[in-house]
Every structure is written in structure tokens, then in C-alpha cells.
Amino acid sequence: MPSLIAKSACDGLLPLSEGGVTLSEAAPARVTSVAPFAGQEKATDAALKTMGLGWPKPGQSFTKDEAQILWTGRGQAFLISASPAELDGVAALSDQSDGWARIRLEGAGAEAVLARLVPLDLRTAAFPTGSVARTGLNHMMMVLHRAGAETFDIMVFRSMTASAVHELHHAMKALAARAAAL
């Protein structure tokens, strides 16, 4: 029987750096989809508060230490780097860890890179730290989280990892070439 070797979604693809912008794989983490059962929204929020988090409003997130909860759609959020045990019985829970690639884009030109691929205004005033959007990355869907002033966490379906890395790296190279020509 063949022996399988576990590999991350970004294995052999990252890290990459161009023009002061770095694209790297986020640290491996548990990702759990959380959807409160009907009438259990307050109980879900209370359970998350015991973890130092809370139920995120649309486009928002909560972070405490390594744990995060990101809004991902109406009545849905992703709990990252935390056990969902407190939510048992009040929310539908689904382990999504192996289904998503988590990529980090950081550096002074991160906004400019994403501006070429994302149909949103990502300037800090419009998309401040902690903001989350479920949007497109060129031709694929993603969850975008602004983790810091010059840092974005990107989640794409695992099957789209190579395409996402290619698109982001292409934009990084184009901006670096433009800067070098000026």
C-alpha cells in the first residue's frame, strides 16, 4: 500500500517576494465554519465571548491572541486557530481546515497588488484593520482579511491555490517592474 505524505496547499509555491511585498503561507491552523442554529445567535455570541471573541458583524472580525473569527457571509463565520468546543449545541460546526489555503500578503505595496485583482476599495480608510470581505481574487472567490496596516490574509479554496499564487505573484512582479522603471 502506498504511503501518503501530508503537504500544505502552498507546498513548493511560497514564499515569494517582489518589490518589497512578500507572499507567504499563513501558519497552519484549524478552520471551523460556524453557523448559529435558529434562535441561537445570542448563545453563539456568548460562547464566543468566553473565548475572548464575539459574533462578527458583516465585514468584521474578532482576534484574541492566535484565535480569530472572521465574518464569511450571512449567518456564517470562520473560527480560526481555536477549538469550537464552546459552540457545541448552539451552532452548526464544520471543519474546513483542509479545504482552504491561507496566504499572507504583506509589505508597503500590498494594497497596490490587490488593487489589480480585487474589486474593492482597500485603502485603510475604506477597509481598516480587522475588515473582512468575501470577494473575488481575479476569477476565483476568496475571503480577504486585513490583518494589519500593510498585511492581508487571503483564504482561497485549496484547489485554487496555485492559481491564486500565480495571479498575486504576477501583480507583484508588474508593480515591482513599474517601480524600477520610474
Protein backbone atom coordinates (compact mmCIF):
# COMPACT_ATOMS: atom_id res chain seq x y z
CA MET A 1 0.00 0.00 0.00
CA PRO A 2 1.40 3.43 -0.90
CA SER A 3 2.36 5.79 1.88
CA LEU A 4 0.84 9.25 1.60
CA ILE A 5 2.70 12.36 2.67
CA ALA A 6 0.71 15.27 4.06
CA LYS A 7 1.52 18.54 2.30
CA SER A 8 0.20 22.03 2.79
CA ALA A 9 -1.75 23.69 0.00
CA CYS A 10 1.17 26.06 -0.63
CA ASP A 11 3.91 23.43 -0.58
CA GLY A 12 6.54 24.34 -3.17
CA LEU A 13 4.74 27.57 -4.14
CA LEU A 14 5.65 30.01 -1.38
CA PRO A 15 7.28 32.21 -0.13
CA LEU A 16 7.75 34.79 -2.88
CA SER A 17 8.98 38.40 -2.66
CA GLU A 18 8.94 41.20 -5.22
CA GLY A 19 9.39 44.94 -4.80
CA GLY A 20 9.12 44.92 -1.01
CA VAL A 21 5.96 42.78 -0.97
CA THR A 22 6.04 39.24 0.40
CA LEU A 23 3.59 36.43 -0.27
CA SER A 24 3.82 33.59 2.24
CA GLU A 25 1.78 30.76 3.65
CA ALA A 26 -0.02 31.55 6.89
CA ALA A 27 0.78 29.24 9.77
CA PRO A 28 -1.24 26.01 9.70
CA ALA A 29 -4.40 26.39 11.75
CA ARG A 30 -7.73 24.78 12.44
CA VAL A 31 -10.53 26.42 10.43
CA THR A 32 -14.11 25.75 11.55
CA SER A 33 -17.20 27.05 9.81
CA VAL A 34 -19.70 28.30 12.41
CA ALA A 35 -23.39 28.86 11.66
CA PRO A 36 -25.66 29.52 14.65
CA PHE A 37 -28.73 27.32 14.90
CA ALA A 38 -32.07 29.15 14.53
CA GLY A 39 -32.67 31.26 17.63
CA GLN A 40 -29.15 30.58 18.98
CA GLU A 41 -27.41 33.73 17.77
CA LYS A 42 -27.11 35.21 21.28
CA ALA A 43 -25.94 31.89 22.72
CA THR A 44 -23.32 31.64 19.98
CA ASP A 45 -22.12 35.18 20.73
CA ALA A 46 -21.99 34.37 24.46
CA ALA A 47 -20.00 31.18 23.84
CA LEU A 48 -17.54 33.09 21.66
CA LYS A 49 -17.19 35.77 24.33
CA THR A 50 -15.97 33.11 26.78
CA MET A 51 -13.14 32.63 24.27
CA GLY A 52 -12.42 36.37 24.16
CA LEU A 53 -14.09 36.76 20.77
CA GLY A 54 -17.69 37.50 19.74
CA TRP A 55 -20.02 37.07 16.78
CA PRO A 56 -18.70 39.33 13.98
CA LYS A 57 -20.94 41.82 12.23
CA PRO A 58 -20.88 41.75 8.40
CA GLY A 59 -17.42 42.61 7.14
CA GLN A 60 -15.83 42.42 10.58
CA SER A 61 -13.69 40.07 12.68
CA PHE A 62 -12.51 39.46 16.23
CA THR A 63 -8.98 38.45 17.20
CA LYS A 64 -7.61 37.34 20.55
CA ASP A 65 -4.05 36.05 20.64
CA GLU A 66 -3.92 33.46 17.81
CA ALA A 67 -7.69 32.86 17.73
CA GLN A 68 -9.82 34.67 15.18
CA ILE A 69 -13.38 34.66 13.98
CA LEU A 70 -14.00 36.12 10.53
CA TRP A 71 -17.39 37.00 9.07
CA THR A 72 -17.81 34.95 5.88
CA GLY A 73 -21.44 35.54 4.95
CA ARG A 74 -24.94 35.90 6.34
CA GLY A 75 -25.16 33.74 9.45
CA GLN A 76 -21.70 32.24 8.91
CA ALA A 77 -18.18 32.83 10.19
CA PHE A 78 -14.83 31.03 10.22
CA LEU A 79 -13.27 30.29 13.60
CA ILE A 80 -9.51 30.05 13.13
CA SER A 81 -6.86 28.65 15.49
CA ALA A 82 -9.36 27.82 18.23
CA SER A 83 -11.32 24.82 19.41
CA PRO A 84 -15.03 25.11 18.66
CA ALA A 85 -15.97 23.04 21.73
CA GLU A 86 -17.71 26.00 23.41
CA LEU A 87 -20.07 26.25 20.42
CA ASP A 88 -21.26 22.66 20.50
CA GLY A 89 -25.06 22.58 20.62
CA VAL A 90 -25.60 26.23 19.69
CA ALA A 91 -24.14 26.29 16.17
CA ALA A 92 -23.57 24.03 13.21
CA LEU A 93 -19.83 23.34 13.07
CA SER A 94 -17.88 22.06 10.10
CA ASP A 95 -14.13 21.50 9.95
CA GLN A 96 -12.83 23.37 6.90
CA SER A 97 -9.10 23.11 7.67
CA ASP A 98 -8.12 21.01 4.66
CA GLY A 99 -10.40 22.82 2.21
CA TRP A 100 -8.75 26.23 2.30
CA ALA A 101 -5.30 27.67 1.62
CA ARG A 102 -4.31 30.52 3.90
CA ILE A 103 -1.94 33.03 2.31
CA ARG A 104 -0.44 36.22 3.74
CA LEU A 105 0.40 39.24 1.57
CA GLU A 106 2.41 41.91 3.33
CA GLY A 107 4.52 44.95 2.61
CA ALA A 108 4.14 48.58 1.62
CA GLY A 109 2.74 47.64 -1.80
CA ALA A 110 0.22 45.01 -0.66
CA GLU A 111 -2.77 47.29 -1.31
CA ALA A 112 -1.49 48.09 -4.80
CA VAL A 113 -1.05 44.38 -5.60
CA LEU A 114 -4.60 43.60 -4.52
CA ALA A 115 -5.97 46.66 -6.34
CA ARG A 116 -5.11 44.90 -9.61
CA LEU A 117 -7.11 41.79 -8.68
CA VAL A 118 -9.86 42.70 -6.20
CA PRO A 119 -13.00 44.76 -6.99
CA LEU A 120 -12.96 46.64 -3.66
CA ASP A 121 -11.54 49.87 -2.29
CA LEU A 122 -8.85 48.50 0.02
CA ARG A 123 -7.44 51.81 1.22
CA THR A 124 -7.16 51.83 5.01
CA ALA A 125 -9.97 54.38 5.37
CA ALA A 126 -12.41 52.13 3.47
CA PHE A 127 -11.08 48.73 4.62
CA PRO A 128 -9.43 49.20 8.04
CA THR A 129 -7.58 46.58 10.07
CA GLY A 130 -10.00 43.82 11.09
CA SER A 131 -12.17 44.19 8.00
CA VAL A 132 -13.24 41.06 6.12
CA ALA A 133 -14.75 40.58 2.67
CA ARG A 134 -15.92 37.56 0.76
CA THR A 135 -15.00 38.71 -2.72
CA GLY A 136 -13.22 37.81 -5.91
CA LEU A 137 -9.49 37.48 -6.49
CA ASN A 138 -9.49 37.97 -10.24
CA HIS A 139 -11.51 34.91 -11.37
CA MET A 140 -11.77 32.98 -8.07
CA MET A 141 -13.56 33.52 -4.78
CA MET A 142 -11.70 34.34 -1.58
CA VAL A 143 -12.06 35.52 1.98
CA LEU A 144 -9.92 38.64 2.46
CA HIS A 145 -8.98 39.86 5.95
CA ARG A 146 -6.94 42.97 6.66
CA ALA A 147 -4.71 41.77 9.49
CA GLY A 148 -2.62 44.94 9.75
CA ALA A 149 -1.84 48.24 8.07
CA GLU A 150 0.20 46.52 5.34
CA THR A 151 -0.90 42.91 5.89
CA PHE A 152 -3.71 40.93 4.27
CA ASP A 153 -4.68 37.34 4.96
CA ILE A 154 -6.21 35.62 1.94
CA MET A 155 -8.15 32.37 2.01
CA VAL A 156 -8.88 30.55 -1.25
CA PHE A 157 -10.20 27.08 -1.92
CA ARG A 158 -7.32 24.63 -1.70
CA SER A 159 -7.88 23.58 -5.31
CA MET A 160 -7.27 27.19 -6.43
CA THR A 161 -4.02 27.76 -4.52
CA ALA A 162 -1.67 27.60 -7.49
CA SER A 163 -3.90 29.96 -9.48
CA ALA A 164 -4.11 32.44 -6.61
CA VAL A 165 -0.34 32.39 -6.08
CA HIS A 166 0.21 32.86 -9.82
CA GLU A 167 -2.18 35.84 -10.02
CA LEU A 168 -0.74 37.52 -6.93
CA HIS A 169 2.88 36.94 -7.99
CA HIS A 170 2.14 38.30 -11.48
CA ALA A 171 0.71 41.50 -9.96
CA MET A 172 3.67 41.75 -7.57
CA LYS A 173 6.15 41.45 -10.48
CA ALA A 174 4.27 44.03 -12.56
CA LEU A 175 4.30 46.59 -9.74
CA ALA A 176 7.98 45.93 -8.99
CA ALA A 177 8.85 46.39 -12.69
CA ARG A 178 6.87 49.61 -12.82
CA ALA A 179 8.62 50.95 -9.72
CA ALA A 180 12.03 50.03 -11.17
CA ALA A 181 11.23 51.89 -14.40
CA LEU A 182 10.31 55.12 -12.65
